[in-house]
Amino acid sequence: MSTPDRSVVVVGAGVAGLNAAVALAQSGAQVTVLERRPYVGGRAYSYPHPALEEVVDSQHVVVGCCTNLIDFCNTAGLSEKIRWYDRQTYLEPATDPRAVRTSSIEITSLPAPMQYAGSFLRAPMLSAADKLAIARGLLGFARGSSGGDDESVAQWYRRTGQTQRAIRHLWEPLIIATLNDSAENCSMKYAGKVFYELFLKNETGGRLGIPTVPLSEFYAAGADLVCAHGGRVELRSSVDQLTQQADGRWALQCGEQNWIADDVILALPFEQTQRLVSAMSLRDAGGEDARRELLAKMEHFTHSPFISILLWYDRQITDLDHAWLLDSTIQWFFHKSRIRNYPLDRGSYVELVIAGSRTELPMTREQILTPALAELERFFPDVARATLLKSGILKEARATFSVTPGLDAFRPSQRTAHPGLYLAGDWTATDWPATMEGAARSGRLAAGELLGDRTRFLTPDLPPTGLMRLLNRNG
């Protein structure tokens, strides 16, 4: 079947689905994207909050090593809507009698892997013993080894002699921010990949990019690109039933409307995929074994939650755009009004992030908000002189899947044993953890599998640079 004659339905307009749809639409396939929500973005979404009278979202970021996500953004014309930072600010809270202490880790002109060395050595948040332990740990990844999937990050801490302060002030914030779970629950394979790509491999992999517009507005450019190449994006279209027809094509029931396609890509989180696969109607009994095998793999996946605390103050509380908050239940601070370049007289709109928030998830609004406000004042004393105008809390109980040790054996390929049925989503086999880059890769891999060339649409990883080229060559 030639590409122009191929009809494809992509279920889900998140990052995975949009990457698959754009790749296929640009290749000439007849693409329809079905999204159950009234907006695109998947878990990277924004929406108008009726009580707050604001468009709200949970902050997602891009880093320089996310080659496929960045390529998608560039293709969709989004490069001007990402603000890039070469400096990371770490704050230790004020304690009697010490004021707030600031450490900065920034990229310099030194060749990889020395690009962070100067600021790292000067950072007061770490002692000499902490820095030695961190350097010893990173040395194990100098040739690109990403660690083993059967080892947890907590086990790696012990094996490499990481100090408690190094764990609290560098490793744990990084793990919780990138893998959205605790060290005990995270595979060292993926933590090692994060360490290598961000700190060692080249000078640009660790750059931080933050979208300057709400997320659904940001990713809507991908939907526009699908439509510009002749595709369709149907919002408020929830797929209730998936049926394999006698002719091998697929029927998708969305309320009272049916869609027929040669191929289907389920670009959904694992629990939604599990529901559709469990209920789908197959044309022959031979497919039952394949279904059972796929569902058995999905049983090994678990969720990790994410909480965003959104605050609006009547005045500026800091001139920082973002910061890591150390020794606190809050891991990350985003000054969204500054990132989005709002006028200063609009005050401060900020987001506080509690990642991997299993403890906080069942708490009430006040149980989360009251200590968070007290914590924020320990980092930004000007909060005491500002008036909190309004606040909101966004709980994402199913924010990501957990990259638990040993999970790799159960991450399914994008190609299934059912002809014409493909999977996408960061939880599928991408060699990346639960990130927007993993989602982008999964969509592109699914599109490649559909057209018979798995890696056809993948953007290459950034190459090693500086001294890392020699280590990589010798490794």
Protein backbone atom coordinates (compact mmCIF):
# COMPACT_ATOMS: atom_id res chain seq x y z
CA MET A 1 0.00 0.00 0.00
CA SER A 2 1.48 3.36 -0.97
CA THR A 3 1.66 6.10 1.65
CA PRO A 4 -0.90 8.45 0.00
CA ASP A 5 -3.47 5.63 0.01
CA ARG A 6 -2.88 4.79 3.67
CA SER A 7 -5.45 5.99 6.20
CA VAL A 8 -4.15 6.27 9.75
CA VAL A 9 -5.96 7.18 12.96
CA VAL A 10 -3.80 8.37 15.83
CA VAL A 11 -5.58 8.13 19.17
CA GLY A 12 -4.28 10.84 21.50
CA ALA A 13 -3.01 14.35 20.78
CA GLY A 14 -0.22 14.42 23.31
CA VAL A 15 3.44 14.79 22.43
CA ALA A 16 3.63 11.14 21.27
CA GLY A 17 0.53 11.33 19.10
CA LEU A 18 1.42 14.67 17.56
CA ASN A 19 4.93 13.50 16.66
CA ALA A 20 3.52 10.38 15.00
CA ALA A 21 0.82 12.35 13.18
CA VAL A 22 3.18 15.05 11.91
CA ALA A 23 5.68 12.48 10.61
CA LEU A 24 3.00 10.51 8.77
CA ALA A 25 1.13 13.54 7.44
CA GLN A 26 4.36 14.98 6.06
CA SER A 27 4.95 11.62 4.37
CA GLY A 28 1.60 11.85 2.61
CA ALA A 29 -0.56 9.52 4.71
CA GLN A 30 -4.19 10.40 5.38
CA VAL A 31 -4.01 11.13 9.10
CA THR A 32 -6.79 11.74 11.61
CA VAL A 33 -5.99 12.49 15.26
CA LEU A 34 -8.69 11.74 17.83
CA GLU A 35 -8.36 13.46 21.22
CA ARG A 36 -10.87 13.01 24.03
CA ARG A 37 -10.13 16.37 25.64
CA PRO A 38 -11.06 19.78 24.22
CA TYR A 39 -7.37 20.68 23.91
CA VAL A 40 -4.11 19.09 22.79
CA GLY A 41 -0.92 18.35 24.70
CA GLY A 42 -1.80 15.15 26.55
CA ARG A 43 -0.26 15.39 30.00
CA ALA A 44 1.55 18.56 28.86
CA TYR A 45 -1.68 20.52 28.70
CA SER A 46 -3.19 23.80 29.85
CA TYR A 47 -6.80 24.83 30.30
CA PRO A 48 -8.87 27.81 31.47
CA HIS A 49 -9.58 27.35 35.18
CA PRO A 50 -13.12 28.64 35.80
CA ALA A 51 -12.66 29.58 39.46
CA LEU A 52 -9.24 31.20 39.05
CA GLU A 53 -10.10 32.87 35.73
CA GLU A 54 -6.63 31.96 34.51
CA VAL A 55 -5.18 29.53 31.97
CA VAL A 56 -3.25 27.06 34.10
CA ASP A 57 -0.81 24.22 33.51
CA SER A 58 1.82 22.10 35.22
CA GLN A 59 5.23 23.21 34.04
CA HIS A 60 7.16 20.98 31.64
CA VAL A 61 10.64 21.75 30.39
CA VAL A 62 12.98 20.87 27.53
CA VAL A 63 16.68 20.12 27.86
CA GLY A 64 19.29 20.41 25.16
CA CYS A 65 19.71 16.65 24.70
CA CYS A 66 16.01 16.25 23.76
CA THR A 67 16.79 16.15 20.05
CA ASN A 68 13.45 14.80 18.82
CA LEU A 69 11.34 17.11 20.93
CA ILE A 70 13.44 20.09 19.85
CA ASP A 71 13.20 19.03 16.20
CA PHE A 72 9.41 18.79 16.56
CA CYS A 73 9.32 22.27 18.10
CA ASN A 74 11.51 23.72 15.35
CA THR A 75 9.41 22.07 12.63
CA ALA A 76 6.23 23.46 14.20
CA GLY A 77 7.70 26.98 14.39
CA LEU A 78 8.02 26.97 18.17
CA SER A 79 11.71 27.84 18.54
CA GLU A 80 10.88 31.45 19.48
CA LYS A 81 8.50 30.25 22.19
CA ILE A 82 11.19 28.51 24.24
CA ARG A 83 13.42 30.49 26.61
CA TRP A 84 16.81 28.84 27.09
CA TYR A 85 18.99 29.00 30.19
CA ASP A 86 22.63 28.00 30.66
CA ARG A 87 22.57 28.62 34.42
CA GLN A 88 20.83 26.62 37.14
CA THR A 89 20.25 28.28 40.51
CA TYR A 90 20.10 26.24 43.72
CA LEU A 91 18.76 27.85 46.89
CA GLU A 92 19.25 26.72 50.46
CA PRO A 93 16.58 28.15 52.79
CA ALA A 94 17.31 30.81 55.37
CA THR A 95 18.19 29.47 58.81
CA ASP A 96 19.00 31.37 61.96
CA PRO A 97 21.35 33.20 61.62
CA ARG A 98 22.22 32.42 57.96
CA ALA A 99 20.39 34.11 55.10
CA VAL A 100 19.30 32.26 51.96
CA ARG A 101 22.37 30.75 50.32
CA THR A 102 22.66 30.63 46.53
CA SER A 103 24.70 28.26 44.37
CA SER A 104 24.88 28.51 40.59
CA ILE A 105 25.87 25.75 38.20
CA GLU A 106 26.39 27.08 34.69
CA ILE A 107 27.74 26.09 31.32
CA THR A 108 31.02 27.76 30.36
CA SER A 109 33.25 27.72 27.29
CA LEU A 110 35.33 24.82 28.61
CA PRO A 111 35.09 21.63 26.51
CA ALA A 112 32.96 18.71 27.67
CA PRO A 113 33.04 17.21 30.24
CA MET A 114 34.49 20.29 31.97
CA GLN A 115 31.74 22.72 30.99
CA TYR A 116 30.32 22.88 34.54
CA ALA A 117 33.60 22.46 36.41
CA GLY A 118 34.28 26.06 37.46
CA SER A 119 30.89 26.82 38.99
CA PHE A 120 30.59 23.30 40.41
CA LEU A 121 33.84 23.66 42.33
CA ARG A 122 32.70 27.04 43.72
CA ALA A 123 29.18 25.96 44.71
CA PRO A 124 28.73 26.44 48.48
CA MET A 125 25.83 23.97 48.63
CA LEU A 126 28.40 21.15 48.47
CA SER A 127 31.50 20.45 50.56
CA ALA A 128 34.78 19.22 49.14
CA ALA A 129 33.88 15.67 50.19
CA ASP A 130 30.50 15.97 48.44
CA LYS A 131 32.11 17.18 45.24
CA LEU A 132 34.66 14.38 45.31
CA ALA A 133 31.89 11.81 45.70
CA ILE A 134 29.92 13.34 42.81
CA ALA A 135 33.00 13.38 40.57
CA ARG A 136 33.69 9.74 41.47
CA GLY A 137 30.13 8.82 40.58
CA LEU A 138 30.17 10.66 37.26
CA LEU A 139 33.48 9.08 36.30
CA GLY A 140 31.66 5.78 35.87
CA PHE A 141 29.68 7.29 32.99
CA ALA A 142 32.59 8.94 31.20
CA ARG A 143 32.45 6.49 28.28
CA GLY A 144 28.69 6.62 27.97
CA SER A 145 27.74 3.65 30.14
CA SER A 146 24.21 4.19 31.37
CA GLY A 147 24.19 1.75 34.27
CA GLY A 148 22.15 -1.41 34.71
CA ASP A 149 18.38 -1.72 34.67
CA ASP A 150 18.45 -4.16 37.60
CA GLU A 151 20.08 -1.63 39.95
CA SER A 152 18.19 1.17 41.69
CA VAL A 153 19.60 4.66 42.08
CA ALA A 154 19.63 4.16 45.86
CA GLN A 155 21.83 1.08 45.40
CA TRP A 156 24.14 3.12 43.15
CA TYR A 157 24.42 5.78 45.87
CA ARG A 158 25.69 3.16 48.27
CA ARG A 159 27.93 1.43 45.75
CA THR A 160 29.72 4.64 44.77
CA GLY A 161 29.87 6.13 48.27
CA GLN A 162 27.73 9.18 47.66
CA THR A 163 27.52 11.49 50.68
CA GLN A 164 24.19 12.43 52.22
CA ARG A 165 24.67 16.07 51.26
CA ALA A 166 25.56 15.17 47.65
CA ILE A 167 22.37 13.10 47.52
CA ARG A 168 20.19 15.84 49.05
CA HIS A 169 21.64 18.76 47.14
CA LEU A 170 22.31 17.33 43.69
CA TRP A 171 21.32 13.76 42.93
CA GLU A 172 17.91 13.57 44.58
CA PRO A 173 16.60 16.88 43.15
CA LEU A 174 17.79 15.81 39.70
CA ILE A 175 16.28 12.32 39.96
CA ILE A 176 12.93 13.54 41.21
CA ALA A 177 12.78 16.29 38.54
CA THR A 178 13.71 14.09 35.58
CA LEU A 179 12.32 10.67 36.60
CA ASN A 180 9.51 11.87 38.90
CA ASP A 181 10.15 9.29 41.58
CA SER A 182 12.43 8.46 44.49
CA ALA A 183 15.85 6.84 44.16
CA GLU A 184 14.53 3.51 45.48
CA ASN A 185 11.99 3.34 42.63
CA CYS A 186 14.22 4.42 39.73
CA SER A 187 16.36 2.25 37.47
CA MET A 188 20.02 3.24 37.30
CA LYS A 189 19.92 2.68 33.54
CA TYR A 190 17.79 5.78 33.11
CA ALA A 191 19.38 7.82 35.87
CA GLY A 192 22.75 7.10 34.28
CA LYS A 193 21.44 8.24 30.93
CA VAL A 194 20.28 11.50 32.49
CA PHE A 195 23.65 12.05 34.22
CA TYR A 196 25.59 11.35 31.02
CA GLU A 197 23.45 13.42 28.66
CA LEU A 198 23.12 16.43 30.97
CA PHE A 199 26.53 16.65 32.63
CA LEU A 200 29.13 14.92 30.50
CA LYS A 201 28.46 14.20 26.83
CA ASN A 202 28.62 17.69 25.32
CA GLU A 203 28.32 21.39 26.12
CA THR A 204 24.66 21.83 25.16
CA GLY A 205 22.88 18.71 26.43
CA GLY A 206 22.20 20.26 29.85
CA ARG A 207 20.70 23.54 28.64
CA LEU A 208 17.26 24.18 30.10
CA GLY A 209 14.40 25.37 27.88
CA ILE A 210 11.05 26.56 29.23
CA PRO A 211 8.02 27.29 27.01
CA THR A 212 6.93 30.93 27.22
CA VAL A 213 3.24 30.24 26.55
CA PRO A 214 0.70 27.85 28.14
CA LEU A 215 1.32 24.26 27.10
CA SER A 216 -1.80 23.50 25.05
CA GLU A 217 -1.22 26.72 23.13
CA PHE A 218 2.39 25.63 22.67
CA TYR A 219 1.58 22.14 21.35
CA ALA A 220 -1.35 23.37 19.28
CA ALA A 221 1.28 24.28 16.69
CA GLY A 222 1.81 20.54 16.17
CA ALA A 223 -1.90 20.03 15.53
CA ASP A 224 -1.83 22.94 13.08
CA LEU A 225 1.05 21.27 11.26
CA VAL A 226 -0.93 18.05 10.89
CA CYS A 227 -3.82 20.00 9.38
CA ALA A 228 -1.48 21.96 7.10
CA HIS A 229 -0.44 18.64 5.53
CA GLY A 230 -4.00 17.53 4.91
CA GLY A 231 -4.68 15.75 8.19
CA ARG A 232 -7.47 16.25 10.71
CA VAL A 233 -7.46 16.79 14.47
CA GLU A 234 -10.78 15.96 16.14
CA LEU A 235 -11.13 17.15 19.74
CA ARG A 236 -13.70 15.82 22.22
CA SER A 237 -13.47 12.47 20.42
CA SER A 238 -13.08 9.68 22.95
CA VAL A 239 -12.56 6.19 21.49
CA ASP A 240 -14.91 3.74 23.20
CA GLN A 241 -14.27 0.61 21.14
CA LEU A 242 -11.61 -0.70 18.79
CA THR A 243 -12.61 -3.44 16.34
CA GLN A 244 -10.51 -5.40 13.86
CA GLN A 245 -12.67 -5.93 10.77
CA ALA A 246 -12.78 -8.94 8.46
CA ASP A 247 -10.84 -7.02 5.79
CA GLY A 248 -8.02 -6.29 8.27
CA ARG A 249 -8.87 -2.63 8.71
CA TRP A 250 -9.78 -1.11 12.07
CA ALA A 251 -13.04 0.48 13.19
CA LEU A 252 -12.99 3.01 16.03
CA GLN A 253 -16.22 3.92 17.76
CA CYS A 254 -16.39 7.44 19.20
CA GLY A 255 -19.84 7.94 20.64
CA GLU A 256 -22.20 7.90 17.67
CA GLN A 257 -19.42 8.35 15.11
CA ASN A 258 -17.26 5.59 13.63
CA TRP A 259 -13.85 5.92 11.99
CA ILE A 260 -12.30 3.33 9.67
CA ALA A 261 -8.54 3.16 9.18
CA ASP A 262 -5.91 0.90 7.65
CA ASP A 263 -3.68 1.54 10.67
CA VAL A 264 -4.17 2.76 14.22
CA ILE A 265 -1.60 4.23 16.59
CA LEU A 266 -2.66 4.24 20.23
CA ALA A 267 -0.66 7.20 21.56
CA LEU A 268 -2.01 7.02 25.09
CA PRO A 269 -0.79 6.47 28.65
CA PHE A 270 -0.48 2.81 29.56
CA GLU A 271 -3.68 2.64 31.61
CA GLN A 272 -5.81 4.03 28.76
CA THR A 273 -4.11 1.70 26.29
CA GLN A 274 -4.77 -1.17 28.67
CA ARG A 275 -8.50 -0.38 28.71
CA LEU A 276 -8.81 -0.25 24.91
CA VAL A 277 -6.70 -3.34 24.30
CA SER A 278 -8.64 -5.32 26.91
CA ALA A 279 -11.96 -4.51 25.23
CA MET A 280 -10.95 -4.54 21.55
CA SER A 281 -12.72 -6.97 19.24
CA LEU A 282 -10.38 -9.19 17.22
CA ARG A 283 -11.27 -11.00 13.98
CA ASP A 284 -9.59 -14.29 14.84
CA ALA A 285 -8.81 -16.26 17.98
CA GLY A 286 -5.11 -16.28 17.13
CA GLY A 287 -4.81 -12.72 18.31
CA GLU A 288 -5.86 -13.59 21.86
CA ASP A 289 -2.43 -14.86 22.87
CA ALA A 290 -0.81 -11.64 21.63
CA ARG A 291 -3.37 -9.59 23.52
CA ARG A 292 -2.76 -11.50 26.75
CA GLU A 293 1.00 -11.10 26.36
CA LEU A 294 0.70 -7.33 25.85
CA LEU A 295 -1.69 -6.92 28.78
CA ALA A 296 0.63 -8.97 30.98
CA LYS A 297 3.45 -6.53 30.24
CA MET A 298 1.25 -3.57 31.16
CA GLU A 299 0.58 -5.09 34.58
CA HIS A 300 4.16 -4.22 35.54
CA PHE A 301 3.64 -0.46 35.12
CA THR A 302 2.86 1.90 37.99
CA HIS A 303 2.15 5.63 38.20
CA SER A 304 4.03 8.39 39.95
CA PRO A 305 2.13 11.61 40.80
CA PHE A 306 3.01 15.27 40.38
CA ILE A 307 1.59 18.32 42.17
CA SER A 308 1.76 21.95 41.05
CA ILE A 309 1.00 24.81 43.43
CA LEU A 310 0.05 27.95 41.51
CA LEU A 311 0.30 31.32 43.26
CA TRP A 312 -0.50 34.88 42.20
CA TYR A 313 1.06 37.74 44.22
CA ASP A 314 0.38 41.45 43.90
CA ARG A 315 4.07 42.31 43.44
CA GLN A 316 7.41 40.85 42.39
CA ILE A 317 8.80 38.43 44.96
CA THR A 318 12.15 37.71 43.23
CA ASP A 319 14.08 38.48 40.08
CA LEU A 320 14.80 34.78 39.46
CA ASP A 321 13.02 32.99 36.63
CA HIS A 322 13.42 29.55 38.17
CA ALA A 323 15.33 27.80 40.94
CA TRP A 324 15.92 24.47 42.63
CA LEU A 325 14.73 24.60 46.25
CA LEU A 326 16.91 22.45 48.51
CA ASP A 327 16.06 20.86 51.85
CA SER A 328 12.36 21.35 51.18
CA THR A 329 9.36 19.29 50.11
CA ILE A 330 9.13 21.71 47.16
CA GLN A 331 11.71 20.81 44.53
CA TRP A 332 11.35 23.48 41.89
CA PHE A 333 10.25 27.10 41.61
CA PHE A 334 9.09 28.61 38.29
CA HIS A 335 8.45 32.35 38.05
CA LYS A 336 5.97 32.00 35.22
CA SER A 337 5.14 35.69 34.90
CA ARG A 338 8.84 36.43 34.23
CA ILE A 339 9.32 33.44 31.92
CA ARG A 340 6.29 34.58 29.92
CA ASN A 341 7.43 38.20 30.01
CA TYR A 342 4.36 39.63 31.73
CA PRO A 343 4.54 43.34 32.68
CA LEU A 344 6.06 43.80 36.13
CA ASP A 345 2.95 45.60 37.39
CA ARG A 346 1.02 42.32 37.01
CA GLY A 347 2.91 40.98 40.02
CA SER A 348 4.34 37.48 40.38
CA TYR A 349 2.69 34.36 39.02
CA VAL A 350 4.69 31.39 40.29
CA GLU A 351 4.52 27.61 40.30
CA LEU A 352 5.91 25.37 43.00
CA VAL A 353 6.51 21.74 42.04
CA ILE A 354 6.26 18.68 44.27
CA ALA A 355 7.31 15.78 42.05
CA GLY A 356 6.88 12.11 42.92
CA SER A 357 4.31 13.36 45.44
CA ARG A 358 2.84 10.12 46.79
CA THR A 359 2.80 11.47 50.36
CA GLU A 360 1.08 14.72 49.43
CA LEU A 361 -1.42 13.31 46.92
CA PRO A 362 -4.13 12.36 49.46
CA MET A 363 -3.72 15.62 51.40
CA THR A 364 -6.30 18.39 51.36
CA ARG A 365 -5.75 21.73 49.66
CA GLU A 366 -4.93 23.43 52.97
CA GLN A 367 -2.60 20.65 54.06
CA ILE A 368 -0.56 21.22 50.90
CA LEU A 369 -0.87 24.99 50.57
CA THR A 370 -0.16 26.17 54.14
CA PRO A 371 3.29 24.56 54.56
CA ALA A 372 4.19 25.42 50.96
CA LEU A 373 3.61 29.13 51.60
CA ALA A 374 5.74 28.97 54.73
CA GLU A 375 8.48 27.16 52.83
CA LEU A 376 8.42 29.70 50.01
CA GLU A 377 9.02 32.55 52.44
CA ARG A 378 12.16 30.80 53.71
CA PHE A 379 13.61 31.05 50.19
CA PHE A 380 12.14 34.41 49.14
CA PRO A 381 11.77 36.84 52.09
CA ASP A 382 9.90 39.36 49.90
CA VAL A 383 6.93 36.99 50.01
CA ALA A 384 6.21 38.35 53.52
CA ARG A 385 5.63 41.83 52.07
CA ALA A 386 3.45 40.61 49.17
CA THR A 387 -0.26 39.84 49.14
CA LEU A 388 -1.40 36.46 47.86
CA LEU A 389 -4.26 37.24 45.50
CA LYS A 390 -5.28 33.71 44.56
CA SER A 391 -3.95 30.18 44.48
CA GLY A 392 -4.61 26.84 42.87
CA ILE A 393 -3.39 23.28 43.24
CA LEU A 394 -3.15 20.86 40.33
CA LYS A 395 -2.85 17.19 41.23
CA GLU A 396 -1.74 14.76 38.53
CA ALA A 397 -2.21 11.35 40.12
CA ARG A 398 -1.10 9.61 36.90
CA ALA A 399 1.52 12.12 35.83
CA THR A 400 4.15 9.61 34.64
CA PHE A 401 5.02 5.95 34.79
CA SER A 402 7.78 4.91 37.20
CA VAL A 403 10.99 3.62 35.63
CA THR A 404 11.38 0.95 38.28
CA PRO A 405 14.38 -1.40 38.21
CA GLY A 406 13.75 -4.30 35.86
CA LEU A 407 10.91 -2.63 33.95
CA ASP A 408 12.79 -2.59 30.65
CA ALA A 409 11.90 -6.21 29.99
CA PHE A 410 8.22 -5.25 29.91
CA ARG A 411 8.26 -2.03 27.87
CA PRO A 412 6.54 -3.03 24.61
CA SER A 413 7.70 -2.21 21.11
CA GLN A 414 5.70 0.29 19.09
CA ARG A 415 4.79 -2.53 16.65
CA THR A 416 2.28 -4.98 18.08
CA ALA A 417 1.50 -8.53 16.97
CA HIS A 418 -1.85 -7.27 15.65
CA PRO A 419 -1.39 -6.14 12.01
CA GLY A 420 -2.06 -2.44 11.63
CA LEU A 421 -2.04 -1.68 15.37
CA TYR A 422 0.82 0.34 16.85
CA LEU A 423 1.63 1.86 20.24
CA ALA A 424 3.16 5.17 21.20
CA GLY A 425 3.75 6.84 24.54
CA ASP A 426 6.78 7.45 26.73
CA TRP A 427 6.12 4.11 28.48
CA THR A 428 6.87 2.09 25.34
CA ALA A 429 10.41 0.97 24.42
CA THR A 430 12.31 4.19 23.67
CA ASP A 431 15.53 3.83 25.75
CA TRP A 432 14.38 7.03 27.49
CA PRO A 433 12.58 7.53 30.81
CA ALA A 434 9.17 9.16 31.36
CA THR A 435 9.90 12.45 29.61
CA MET A 436 8.57 14.56 26.75
CA GLU A 437 11.59 13.41 24.73
CA GLY A 438 10.63 9.80 25.36
CA ALA A 439 7.11 10.60 24.18
CA ALA A 440 8.37 12.34 21.03
CA ARG A 441 10.63 9.40 20.21
CA SER A 442 7.84 6.89 20.73
CA GLY A 443 5.58 8.71 18.26
CA ARG A 444 8.30 8.84 15.65
CA LEU A 445 9.22 5.20 16.19
CA ALA A 446 5.57 4.19 15.80
CA ALA A 447 5.32 6.16 12.55
CA GLY A 448 8.52 4.52 11.31
CA GLU A 449 7.28 1.04 12.20
CA LEU A 450 4.04 1.74 10.34
CA LEU A 451 5.97 2.61 7.17
CA GLY A 452 8.44 -0.28 7.55
CA ASP A 453 11.50 1.63 8.75
CA ARG A 454 11.57 1.94 12.55
CA THR A 455 14.13 4.75 12.84
CA ARG A 456 13.10 6.64 9.70
CA PHE A 457 11.83 9.70 11.58
CA LEU A 458 14.25 9.74 14.53
CA THR A 459 16.51 12.75 14.97
CA PRO A 460 20.05 11.59 15.93
CA ASP A 461 21.31 12.13 19.45
CA LEU A 462 23.72 14.98 20.03
CA PRO A 463 27.28 13.69 19.46
CA PRO A 464 30.00 13.76 22.12
CA THR A 465 32.09 16.93 21.94
CA GLY A 466 35.32 18.19 23.45
CA LEU A 467 37.29 15.62 25.39
CA MET A 468 34.28 13.31 25.38
CA ARG A 469 34.96 12.55 21.71
CA LEU A 470 38.26 10.97 22.71
CA LEU A 471 36.73 9.01 25.58
CA ASN A 472 33.91 7.82 23.37
CA ARG A 473 36.32 6.77 20.64
CA ASN A 474 38.57 4.96 23.09
CA GLY A 475 35.61 3.36 24.86
